[in-house]
Amino acid sequence: MTGLLNRRGLLAAAQRLIERAGRRSQPVTVLMLDLDHFKSINDRFGHLVGDEALRLFATTAGKQLHASDLIGRLGGEEFVAVLPAALAEGAAAAERVRSAFATA
């Protein structure tokens, strides 16, 4: 529905990315991204609007990450991004996603 990796695909791709980074002694950062108050969107406006919010988040988040980063939907309104990057770069990516979605 979101066009992102599902849980199974995300976990498999993340394992490969982490193993590759480990062989190169490169850092990896994992971001947990969750839409606040998502249940209230579904309850108030219905699941079609909730689904659209998930798609909008997926598109917005994907545009803020690099091609080498992974992002997928873990379930519900929970998303995970795995970045072959140090913590500071991961924090900056998380802020880009947050800021972009806040104005979307």
PDB file of N, CA and C in Angstrom:
ATOM      1  N   MET A   1       0.813  -1.193   0.000  1.00  0.00           N
ATOM      2  CA  MET A   1       0.000   0.000   0.000  1.00  0.00           C
ATOM      3  C   MET A   1       0.865   1.269   0.000  1.00  0.00           C
ATOM      4  N   THR A   2       1.964   1.261   0.732  1.00  0.00           N
ATOM      5  CA  THR A   2       2.782   2.468   0.837  1.00  0.00           C
ATOM      6  C   THR A   2       3.870   2.544  -0.226  1.00  0.00           C
ATOM      7  N   GLY A   3       4.129   1.448  -0.907  1.00  0.00           N
ATOM      8  CA  GLY A   3       5.212   1.403  -1.872  1.00  0.00           C
ATOM      9  C   GLY A   3       6.570   1.145  -1.230  1.00  0.00           C
ATOM     10  N   LEU A   4       6.595   0.986   0.077  1.00  0.00           N
ATOM     11  CA  LEU A   4       7.839   0.700   0.794  1.00  0.00           C
ATOM     12  C   LEU A   4       7.962  -0.799   1.039  1.00  0.00           C
ATOM     13  N   LEU A   5       9.124  -1.207   1.491  1.00  0.00           N
ATOM     14  CA  LEU A   5       9.317  -2.595   1.872  1.00  0.00           C
ATOM     15  C   LEU A   5       8.364  -2.962   3.006  1.00  0.00           C
ATOM     16  N   ASN A   6       7.859  -4.201   2.990  1.00  0.00           N
ATOM     17  CA  ASN A   6       7.071  -4.679   4.113  1.00  0.00           C
ATOM     18  C   ASN A   6       8.029  -5.205   5.174  1.00  0.00           C
ATOM     19  N   ARG A   7       7.488  -5.695   6.288  1.00  0.00           N
ATOM     20  CA  ARG A   7       8.322  -6.151   7.405  1.00  0.00           C
ATOM     21  C   ARG A   7       9.345  -7.193   6.963  1.00  0.00           C
ATOM     22  N   ARG A   8       8.899  -8.208   6.253  1.00  0.00           N
ATOM     23  CA  ARG A   8       9.794  -9.287   5.831  1.00  0.00           C
ATOM     24  C   ARG A   8      10.895  -8.767   4.913  1.00  0.00           C
ATOM     25  N   GLY A   9      10.520  -7.983   3.913  1.00  0.00           N
ATOM     26  CA  GLY A   9      11.509  -7.431   2.990  1.00  0.00           C
ATOM     27  C   GLY A   9      12.477  -6.490   3.683  1.00  0.00           C
ATOM     28  N   LEU A  10      11.963  -5.679   4.590  1.00  0.00           N
ATOM     29  CA  LEU A  10      12.807  -4.751   5.331  1.00  0.00           C
ATOM     30  C   LEU A  10      13.823  -5.495   6.177  1.00  0.00           C
ATOM     31  N   LEU A  11      13.370  -6.510   6.919  1.00  0.00           N
ATOM     32  CA  LEU A  11      14.288  -7.244   7.792  1.00  0.00           C
ATOM     33  C   LEU A  11      15.378  -7.961   6.995  1.00  0.00           C
ATOM     34  N   ALA A  12      15.013  -8.529   5.857  1.00  0.00           N
ATOM     35  CA  ALA A  12      16.009  -9.213   5.021  1.00  0.00           C
ATOM     36  C   ALA A  12      17.020  -8.222   4.453  1.00  0.00           C
ATOM     37  N   ALA A  13      16.536  -7.114   3.926  1.00  0.00           N
ATOM     38  CA  ALA A  13      17.436  -6.107   3.355  1.00  0.00           C
ATOM     39  C   ALA A  13      18.299  -5.468   4.438  1.00  0.00           C
ATOM     40  N   ALA A  14      17.724  -5.243   5.615  1.00  0.00           N
ATOM     41  CA  ALA A  14      18.482  -4.653   6.720  1.00  0.00           C
ATOM     42  C   ALA A  14      19.606  -5.588   7.163  1.00  0.00           C
ATOM     43  N   GLN A  15      19.324  -6.869   7.209  1.00  0.00           N
ATOM     44  CA  GLN A  15      20.359  -7.822   7.599  1.00  0.00           C
ATOM     45  C   GLN A  15      21.531  -7.773   6.621  1.00  0.00           C
ATOM     46  N   ARG A  16      21.220  -7.717   5.331  1.00  0.00           N
ATOM     47  CA  ARG A  16      22.294  -7.633   4.333  1.00  0.00           C
ATOM     48  C   ARG A  16      23.091  -6.335   4.482  1.00  0.00           C
ATOM     49  N   LEU A  17      22.387  -5.219   4.685  1.00  0.00           N
ATOM     50  CA  LEU A  17      23.056  -3.932   4.835  1.00  0.00           C
ATOM     51  C   LEU A  17      23.953  -3.938   6.074  1.00  0.00           C
ATOM     52  N   ILE A  18      23.460  -4.461   7.175  1.00  0.00           N
ATOM     53  CA  ILE A  18      24.225  -4.493   8.419  1.00  0.00           C
ATOM     54  C   ILE A  18      25.447  -5.400   8.279  1.00  0.00           C
ATOM     55  N   GLU A  19      25.277  -6.549   7.644  1.00  0.00           N
ATOM     56  CA  GLU A  19      26.421  -7.446   7.435  1.00  0.00           C
ATOM     57  C   GLU A  19      27.480  -6.799   6.549  1.00  0.00           C
ATOM     58  N   ARG A  20      27.044  -6.135   5.479  1.00  0.00           N
ATOM     59  CA  ARG A  20      27.977  -5.464   4.568  1.00  0.00           C
ATOM     60  C   ARG A  20      28.728  -4.351   5.300  1.00  0.00           C
ATOM     61  N   ALA A  21      28.006  -3.567   6.093  1.00  0.00           N
ATOM     62  CA  ALA A  21      28.646  -2.490   6.853  1.00  0.00           C
ATOM     63  C   ALA A  21      29.614  -3.064   7.883  1.00  0.00           C
ATOM     64  N   GLY A  22      29.244  -4.168   8.485  1.00  0.00           N
ATOM     65  CA  GLY A  22      30.117  -4.801   9.471  1.00  0.00           C
ATOM     66  C   GLY A  22      31.429  -5.266   8.862  1.00  0.00           C
ATOM     67  N   ARG A  23      31.358  -5.836   7.674  1.00  0.00           N
ATOM     68  CA  ARG A  23      32.584  -6.276   6.998  1.00  0.00           C
ATOM     69  C   ARG A  23      33.505  -5.100   6.707  1.00  0.00           C
ATOM     70  N   ARG A  24      32.930  -3.933   6.511  1.00  0.00           N
ATOM     71  CA  ARG A  24      33.715  -2.725   6.201  1.00  0.00           C
ATOM     72  C   ARG A  24      33.989  -1.877   7.447  1.00  0.00           C
ATOM     73  N   SER A  25      33.549  -2.348   8.586  1.00  0.00           N
ATOM     74  CA  SER A  25      33.678  -1.613   9.858  1.00  0.00           C
ATOM     75  C   SER A  25      33.042  -0.232   9.772  1.00  0.00           C
ATOM     76  N   GLN A  26      31.908  -0.164   9.097  1.00  0.00           N
ATOM     77  CA  GLN A  26      31.175   1.091   8.958  1.00  0.00           C
ATOM     78  C   GLN A  26      29.968   1.100   9.900  1.00  0.00           C
ATOM     79  N   PRO A  27      29.600   2.264  10.397  1.00  0.00           N
ATOM     80  CA  PRO A  27      28.465   2.347  11.317  1.00  0.00           C
ATOM     81  C   PRO A  27      27.125   2.199  10.587  1.00  0.00           C
ATOM     82  N   VAL A  28      26.131   1.799  11.347  1.00  0.00           N
ATOM     83  CA  VAL A  28      24.750   1.697  10.859  1.00  0.00           C
ATOM     84  C   VAL A  28      23.854   2.346  11.913  1.00  0.00           C
ATOM     85  N   THR A  29      22.892   3.115  11.467  1.00  0.00           N
ATOM     86  CA  THR A  29      21.927   3.734  12.371  1.00  0.00           C
ATOM     87  C   THR A  29      20.537   3.236  12.003  1.00  0.00           C
ATOM     88  N   VAL A  30      19.760   2.896  13.013  1.00  0.00           N
ATOM     89  CA  VAL A  30      18.390   2.432  12.815  1.00  0.00           C
ATOM     90  C   VAL A  30      17.451   3.474  13.409  1.00  0.00           C
ATOM     91  N   LEU A  31      16.489   3.909  12.611  1.00  0.00           N
ATOM     92  CA  LEU A  31      15.490   4.882  13.053  1.00  0.00           C
ATOM     93  C   LEU A  31      14.133   4.209  13.158  1.00  0.00           C
ATOM     94  N   MET A  32      13.456   4.415  14.248  1.00  0.00           N
ATOM     95  CA  MET A  32      12.079   3.967  14.409  1.00  0.00           C
ATOM     96  C   MET A  32      11.213   5.203  14.216  1.00  0.00           C
ATOM     97  N   LEU A  33      10.318   5.144  13.245  1.00  0.00           N
ATOM     98  CA  LEU A  33       9.476   6.286  12.892  1.00  0.00           C
ATOM     99  C   LEU A  33       8.016   5.890  13.124  1.00  0.00           C
ATOM    100  N   ASP A  34       7.307   6.661  13.924  1.00  0.00           N
ATOM    101  CA  ASP A  34       5.944   6.326  14.307  1.00  0.00           C
ATOM    102  C   ASP A  34       5.068   7.564  14.158  1.00  0.00           C
ATOM    103  N   LEU A  35       3.919   7.408  13.568  1.00  0.00           N
ATOM    104  CA  LEU A  35       3.006   8.535  13.396  1.00  0.00           C
ATOM    105  C   LEU A  35       2.202   8.734  14.673  1.00  0.00           C
ATOM    106  N   ASP A  36       2.400   9.869  15.325  1.00  0.00           N
ATOM    107  CA  ASP A  36       1.683  10.172  16.563  1.00  0.00           C
ATOM    108  C   ASP A  36       0.188  10.312  16.301  1.00  0.00           C
ATOM    109  N   HIS A  37      -0.593   9.802  17.215  1.00  0.00           N
ATOM    110  CA  HIS A  37      -2.055   9.951  17.199  1.00  0.00           C
ATOM    111  C   HIS A  37      -2.696   9.375  15.943  1.00  0.00           C
ATOM    112  N   PHE A  38      -2.074   8.381  15.346  1.00  0.00           N
ATOM    113  CA  PHE A  38      -2.607   7.824  14.108  1.00  0.00           C
ATOM    114  C   PHE A  38      -3.985   7.194  14.316  1.00  0.00           C
ATOM    115  N   LYS A  39      -4.190   6.527  15.424  1.00  0.00           N
ATOM    116  CA  LYS A  39      -5.488   5.893  15.692  1.00  0.00           C
ATOM    117  C   LYS A  39      -6.617   6.922  15.664  1.00  0.00           C
ATOM    118  N   SER A  40      -6.338   8.116  16.176  1.00  0.00           N
ATOM    119  CA  SER A  40      -7.381   9.147  16.184  1.00  0.00           C
ATOM    120  C   SER A  40      -7.718   9.608  14.763  1.00  0.00           C
ATOM    121  N   ILE A  41      -6.758   9.540  13.844  1.00  0.00           N
ATOM    122  CA  ILE A  41      -7.052   9.873  12.439  1.00  0.00           C
ATOM    123  C   ILE A  41      -8.025   8.849  11.869  1.00  0.00           C
ATOM    124  N   ASN A  42      -7.719   7.570  12.074  1.00  0.00           N
ATOM    125  CA  ASN A  42      -8.616   6.513  11.592  1.00  0.00           C
ATOM    126  C   ASN A  42      -9.994   6.622  12.239  1.00  0.00           C
ATOM    127  N   ASP A  43     -10.020   6.848  13.549  1.00  0.00           N
ATOM    128  CA  ASP A  43     -11.297   6.917  14.266  1.00  0.00           C
ATOM    129  C   ASP A  43     -12.128   8.111  13.826  1.00  0.00           C
ATOM    130  N   ARG A  44     -11.488   9.235  13.615  1.00  0.00           N
ATOM    131  CA  ARG A  44     -12.227  10.461  13.294  1.00  0.00           C
ATOM    132  C   ARG A  44     -12.587  10.578  11.809  1.00  0.00           C
ATOM    133  N   PHE A  45     -11.653  10.185  10.922  1.00  0.00           N
ATOM    134  CA  PHE A  45     -11.850  10.420   9.496  1.00  0.00           C
ATOM    135  C   PHE A  45     -12.027   9.150   8.670  1.00  0.00           C
ATOM    136  N   GLY A  46     -11.770   8.005   9.268  1.00  0.00           N
ATOM    137  CA  GLY A  46     -11.935   6.740   8.551  1.00  0.00           C
ATOM    138  C   GLY A  46     -10.622   6.187   8.025  1.00  0.00           C
ATOM    139  N   HIS A  47     -10.671   4.913   7.676  1.00  0.00           N
ATOM    140  CA  HIS A  47      -9.453   4.209   7.252  1.00  0.00           C
ATOM    141  C   HIS A  47      -8.927   4.672   5.895  1.00  0.00           C
ATOM    142  N   LEU A  48      -9.793   5.166   5.024  1.00  0.00           N
ATOM    143  CA  LEU A  48      -9.296   5.659   3.733  1.00  0.00           C
ATOM    144  C   LEU A  48      -8.384   6.864   3.928  1.00  0.00           C
ATOM    145  N   VAL A  49      -8.769   7.752   4.832  1.00  0.00           N
ATOM    146  CA  VAL A  49      -7.927   8.913   5.130  1.00  0.00           C
ATOM    147  C   VAL A  49      -6.661   8.458   5.856  1.00  0.00           C
ATOM    148  N   GLY A  50      -6.804   7.494   6.759  1.00  0.00           N
ATOM    149  CA  GLY A  50      -5.636   6.947   7.444  1.00  0.00           C
ATOM    150  C   GLY A  50      -4.653   6.327   6.470  1.00  0.00           C
ATOM    151  N   ASP A  51      -5.171   5.576   5.497  1.00  0.00           N
ATOM    152  CA  ASP A  51      -4.308   4.979   4.473  1.00  0.00           C
ATOM    153  C   ASP A  51      -3.592   6.058   3.667  1.00  0.00           C
ATOM    154  N   GLU A  52      -4.293   7.124   3.370  1.00  0.00           N
ATOM    155  CA  GLU A  52      -3.669   8.225   2.622  1.00  0.00           C
ATOM    156  C   GLU A  52      -2.571   8.887   3.454  1.00  0.00           C
ATOM    157  N   ALA A  53      -2.790   9.002   4.760  1.00  0.00           N
ATOM    158  CA  ALA A  53      -1.764   9.561   5.642  1.00  0.00           C
ATOM    159  C   ALA A  53      -0.516   8.670   5.640  1.00  0.00           C
ATOM    160  N   LEU A  54      -0.716   7.355   5.649  1.00  0.00           N
ATOM    161  CA  LEU A  54       0.422   6.429   5.598  1.00  0.00           C
ATOM    162  C   LEU A  54       1.181   6.571   4.286  1.00  0.00           C
ATOM    163  N   ARG A  55       0.449   6.685   3.184  1.00  0.00           N
ATOM    164  CA  ARG A  55       1.103   6.858   1.882  1.00  0.00           C
ATOM    165  C   ARG A  55       1.863   8.179   1.823  1.00  0.00           C
ATOM    166  N   LEU A  56       1.260   9.240   2.348  1.00  0.00           N
ATOM    167  CA  LEU A  56       1.923  10.543   2.360  1.00  0.00           C
ATOM    168  C   LEU A  56       3.207  10.482   3.192  1.00  0.00           C
ATOM    169  N   PHE A  57       3.134   9.833   4.349  1.00  0.00           N
ATOM    170  CA  PHE A  57       4.338   9.707   5.172  1.00  0.00           C
ATOM    171  C   PHE A  57       5.409   8.924   4.432  1.00  0.00           C
ATOM    172  N   ALA A  58       5.028   7.806   3.830  1.00  0.00           N
ATOM    173  CA  ALA A  58       5.991   6.964   3.118  1.00  0.00           C
ATOM    174  C   ALA A  58       6.679   7.749   2.007  1.00  0.00           C
ATOM    175  N   THR A  59       5.924   8.494   1.239  1.00  0.00           N
ATOM    176  CA  THR A  59       6.484   9.296   0.152  1.00  0.00           C
ATOM    177  C   THR A  59       7.394  10.391   0.700  1.00  0.00           C
ATOM    178  N   THR A  60       6.922  11.084   1.710  1.00  0.00           N
ATOM    179  CA  THR A  60       7.684  12.180   2.304  1.00  0.00           C
ATOM    180  C   THR A  60       8.986  11.672   2.908  1.00  0.00           C
ATOM    181  N   ALA A  61       8.907  10.601   3.687  1.00  0.00           N
ATOM    182  CA  ALA A  61      10.106  10.051   4.325  1.00  0.00           C
ATOM    183  C   ALA A  61      11.100   9.559   3.276  1.00  0.00           C
ATOM    184  N   GLY A  62      10.601   8.864   2.273  1.00  0.00           N
ATOM    185  CA  GLY A  62      11.475   8.339   1.233  1.00  0.00           C
ATOM    186  C   GLY A  62      12.254   9.429   0.508  1.00  0.00           C
ATOM    187  N   LYS A  63      11.639  10.581   0.324  1.00  0.00           N
ATOM    188  CA  LYS A  63      12.313  11.697  -0.349  1.00  0.00           C
ATOM    189  C   LYS A  63      13.402  12.325   0.507  1.00  0.00           C
ATOM    190  N   GLN A  64      13.353  12.119   1.812  1.00  0.00           N
ATOM    191  CA  GLN A  64      14.323  12.725   2.715  1.00  0.00           C
ATOM    192  C   GLN A  64      15.538  11.839   2.973  1.00  0.00           C
ATOM    193  N   LEU A  65      15.472  10.593   2.505  1.00  0.00           N
ATOM    194  CA  LEU A  65      16.558   9.650   2.750  1.00  0.00           C
ATOM    195  C   LEU A  65      17.400   9.469   1.496  1.00  0.00           C
ATOM    196  N   HIS A  66      18.599   8.952   1.675  1.00  0.00           N
ATOM    197  CA  HIS A  66      19.499   8.707   0.548  1.00  0.00           C
ATOM    198  C   HIS A  66      19.164   7.387  -0.131  1.00  0.00           C
ATOM    199  N   ALA A  67      19.617   7.229  -1.353  1.00  0.00           N
ATOM    200  CA  ALA A  67      19.357   6.001  -2.113  1.00  0.00           C
ATOM    201  C   ALA A  67      19.933   4.774  -1.413  1.00  0.00           C
ATOM    202  N   SER A  68      20.984   4.941  -0.643  1.00  0.00           N
ATOM    203  CA  SER A  68      21.609   3.808   0.059  1.00  0.00           C
ATOM    204  C   SER A  68      20.885   3.444   1.355  1.00  0.00           C
ATOM    205  N   ASP A  69      19.929   4.264   1.772  1.00  0.00           N
ATOM    206  CA  ASP A  69      19.176   4.003   2.997  1.00  0.00           C
ATOM    207  C   ASP A  69      18.006   3.071   2.705  1.00  0.00           C
ATOM    208  N   LEU A  70      17.617   2.315   3.707  1.00  0.00           N
ATOM    209  CA  LEU A  70      16.436   1.462   3.598  1.00  0.00           C
ATOM    210  C   LEU A  70      15.317   2.068   4.413  1.00  0.00           C
ATOM    211  N   ILE A  71      14.098   1.920   3.934  1.00  0.00           N
ATOM    212  CA  ILE A  71      12.940   2.296   4.744  1.00  0.00           C
ATOM    213  C   ILE A  71      11.835   1.311   4.424  1.00  0.00           C
ATOM    214  N   GLY A  72      11.122   0.929   5.454  1.00  0.00           N
ATOM    215  CA  GLY A  72      10.010   0.005   5.273  1.00  0.00           C
ATOM    216  C   GLY A  72       8.987   0.187   6.369  1.00  0.00           C
ATOM    217  N   ARG A  73       7.843  -0.402   6.130  1.00  0.00           N
ATOM    218  CA  ARG A  73       6.755  -0.343   7.104  1.00  0.00           C
ATOM    219  C   ARG A  73       6.834  -1.592   7.968  1.00  0.00           C
ATOM    220  N   LEU A  74       7.005  -1.368   9.249  1.00  0.00           N
ATOM    221  CA  LEU A  74       7.081  -2.476  10.185  1.00  0.00           C
ATOM    222  C   LEU A  74       5.688  -3.031  10.449  1.00  0.00           C
ATOM    223  N   GLY A  75       4.721  -2.161  10.540  1.00  0.00           N
ATOM    224  CA  GLY A  75       3.334  -2.557  10.766  1.00  0.00           C
ATOM    225  C   GLY A  75       2.550  -1.363  11.265  1.00  0.00           C
ATOM    226  N   GLY A  76       1.259  -1.355  11.000  1.00  0.00           N
ATOM    227  CA  GLY A  76       0.432  -0.236  11.453  1.00  0.00           C
ATOM    228  C   GLY A  76       0.999   1.078  10.976  1.00  0.00           C
ATOM    229  N   GLU A  77       1.259   1.973  11.924  1.00  0.00           N
ATOM    230  CA  GLU A  77       1.836   3.283  11.593  1.00  0.00           C
ATOM    231  C   GLU A  77       3.304   3.349  11.964  1.00  0.00           C
ATOM    232  N   GLU A  78       3.941   2.194  12.081  1.00  0.00           N
ATOM    233  CA  GLU A  78       5.351   2.134  12.459  1.00  0.00           C
ATOM    234  C   GLU A  78       6.225   1.840  11.249  1.00  0.00           C
ATOM    235  N   PHE A  79       7.241   2.665  11.085  1.00  0.00           N
ATOM    236  CA  PHE A  79       8.187   2.536   9.989  1.00  0.00           C
ATOM    237  C   PHE A  79       9.585   2.446  10.575  1.00  0.00           C
ATOM    238  N   VAL A  80      10.489   1.810   9.843  1.00  0.00           N
ATOM    239  CA  VAL A  80      11.880   1.705  10.259  1.00  0.00           C
ATOM    240  C   VAL A  80      12.753   2.103   9.081  1.00  0.00           C
ATOM    241  N   ALA A  81      13.779   2.890   9.377  1.00  0.00           N
ATOM    242  CA  ALA A  81      14.789   3.231   8.379  1.00  0.00           C
ATOM    243  C   ALA A  81      16.130   2.721   8.889  1.00  0.00           C
ATOM    244  N   VAL A  82      16.900   2.133   8.002  1.00  0.00           N
ATOM    245  CA  VAL A  82      18.235   1.639   8.326  1.00  0.00           C
ATOM    246  C   VAL A  82      19.204   2.378   7.414  1.00  0.00           C
ATOM    247  N   LEU A  83      20.129   3.098   8.033  1.00  0.00           N
ATOM    248  CA  LEU A  83      21.041   3.959   7.295  1.00  0.00           C
ATOM    249  C   LEU A  83      22.484   3.502   7.498  1.00  0.00           C
ATOM    250  N   PRO A  84      23.228   3.360   6.413  1.00  0.00           N
ATOM    251  CA  PRO A  84      24.657   3.080   6.559  1.00  0.00           C
ATOM    252  C   PRO A  84      25.370   4.386   6.901  1.00  0.00           C
ATOM    253  N   ALA A  85      25.186   4.805   8.152  1.00  0.00           N
ATOM    254  CA  ALA A  85      25.672   6.117   8.572  1.00  0.00           C
ATOM    255  C   ALA A  85      25.873   6.130  10.081  1.00  0.00           C
ATOM    256  N   ALA A  86      26.638   7.098  10.546  1.00  0.00           N
ATOM    257  CA  ALA A  86      26.858   7.288  11.975  1.00  0.00           C
ATOM    258  C   ALA A  86      25.626   7.936  12.610  1.00  0.00           C
ATOM    259  N   LEU A  87      25.594   7.921  13.930  1.00  0.00           N
ATOM    260  CA  LEU A  87      24.450   8.414  14.677  1.00  0.00           C
ATOM    261  C   LEU A  87      24.093   9.863  14.338  1.00  0.00           C
ATOM    262  N   ALA A  88      25.085  10.721  14.219  1.00  0.00           N
ATOM    263  CA  ALA A  88      24.808  12.138  13.920  1.00  0.00           C
ATOM    264  C   ALA A  88      24.107  12.285  12.573  1.00  0.00           C
ATOM    265  N   GLU A  89      24.541  11.515  11.583  1.00  0.00           N
ATOM    266  CA  GLU A  89      23.891  11.557  10.264  1.00  0.00           C
ATOM    267  C   GLU A  89      22.476  11.000  10.354  1.00  0.00           C
ATOM    268  N   GLY A  90      22.294   9.962  11.157  1.00  0.00           N
ATOM    269  CA  GLY A  90      20.970   9.386  11.355  1.00  0.00           C
ATOM    270  C   GLY A  90      20.026  10.359  12.034  1.00  0.00           C
ATOM    271  N   ALA A  91      20.532  11.064  13.030  1.00  0.00           N
ATOM    272  CA  ALA A  91      19.714  12.064  13.719  1.00  0.00           C
ATOM    273  C   ALA A  91      19.309  13.177  12.759  1.00  0.00           C
ATOM    274  N   ALA A  92      20.223  13.584  11.901  1.00  0.00           N
ATOM    275  CA  ALA A  92      19.905  14.624  10.913  1.00  0.00           C
ATOM    276  C   ALA A  92      18.845  14.123   9.932  1.00  0.00           C
ATOM    277  N   ALA A  93      18.946  12.867   9.523  1.00  0.00           N
ATOM    278  CA  ALA A  93      17.945  12.287   8.622  1.00  0.00           C
ATOM    279  C   ALA A  93      16.586  12.231   9.299  1.00  0.00           C
ATOM    280  N   ALA A  94      16.561  11.833  10.567  1.00  0.00           N
ATOM    281  CA  ALA A  94      15.302  11.776  11.307  1.00  0.00           C
ATOM    282  C   ALA A  94      14.664  13.158  11.384  1.00  0.00           C
ATOM    283  N   GLU A  95      15.458  14.169  11.614  1.00  0.00           N
ATOM    284  CA  GLU A  95      14.926  15.527  11.684  1.00  0.00           C
ATOM    285  C   GLU A  95      14.416  15.992  10.321  1.00  0.00           C
ATOM    286  N   ARG A  96      15.100  15.613   9.253  1.00  0.00           N
ATOM    287  CA  ARG A  96      14.605  15.970   7.908  1.00  0.00           C
ATOM    288  C   ARG A  96      13.228  15.339   7.662  1.00  0.00           C
ATOM    289  N   VAL A  97      13.086  14.079   8.038  1.00  0.00           N
ATOM    290  CA  VAL A  97      11.804  13.382   7.856  1.00  0.00           C
ATOM    291  C   VAL A  97      10.730  14.066   8.692  1.00  0.00           C
ATOM    292  N   ARG A  98      11.025  14.306   9.967  1.00  0.00           N
ATOM    293  CA  ARG A  98      10.045  14.928  10.853  1.00  0.00           C
ATOM    294  C   ARG A  98       9.593  16.291  10.330  1.00  0.00           C
ATOM    295  N   SER A  99      10.563  17.111   9.955  1.00  0.00           N
ATOM    296  CA  SER A  99      10.267  18.455   9.488  1.00  0.00           C
ATOM    297  C   SER A  99       9.470  18.434   8.179  1.00  0.00           C
ATOM    298  N   ALA A 100       9.863  17.577   7.265  1.00  0.00           N
ATOM    299  CA  ALA A 100       9.165  17.497   5.967  1.00  0.00           C
ATOM    300  C   ALA A 100       7.734  17.013   6.153  1.00  0.00           C
ATOM    301  N   PHE A 101       7.524  16.036   7.018  1.00  0.00           N
ATOM    302  CA  PHE A 101       6.165  15.515   7.214  1.00  0.00           C
ATOM    303  C   PHE A 101       5.299  16.535   7.966  1.00  0.00           C
ATOM    304  N   ALA A 102       5.902  17.295   8.850  1.00  0.00           N
ATOM    305  CA  ALA A 102       5.141  18.314   9.597  1.00  0.00           C
ATOM    306  C   ALA A 102       4.586  19.379   8.664  1.00  0.00           C
ATOM    307  N   THR A 103       5.261  19.601   7.534  1.00  0.00           N
ATOM    308  CA  THR A 103       4.797  20.643   6.607  1.00  0.00           C
ATOM    309  C   THR A 103       4.100  20.065   5.374  1.00  0.00           C
ATOM    310  N   ALA A 104       3.980  18.739   5.311  1.00  0.00           N
ATOM    311  CA  ALA A 104       3.355  18.091   4.136  1.00  0.00           C
ATOM    312  C   ALA A 104       1.853  18.274   4.145  1.00  0.00           C
TER     313      ALA A 104
END
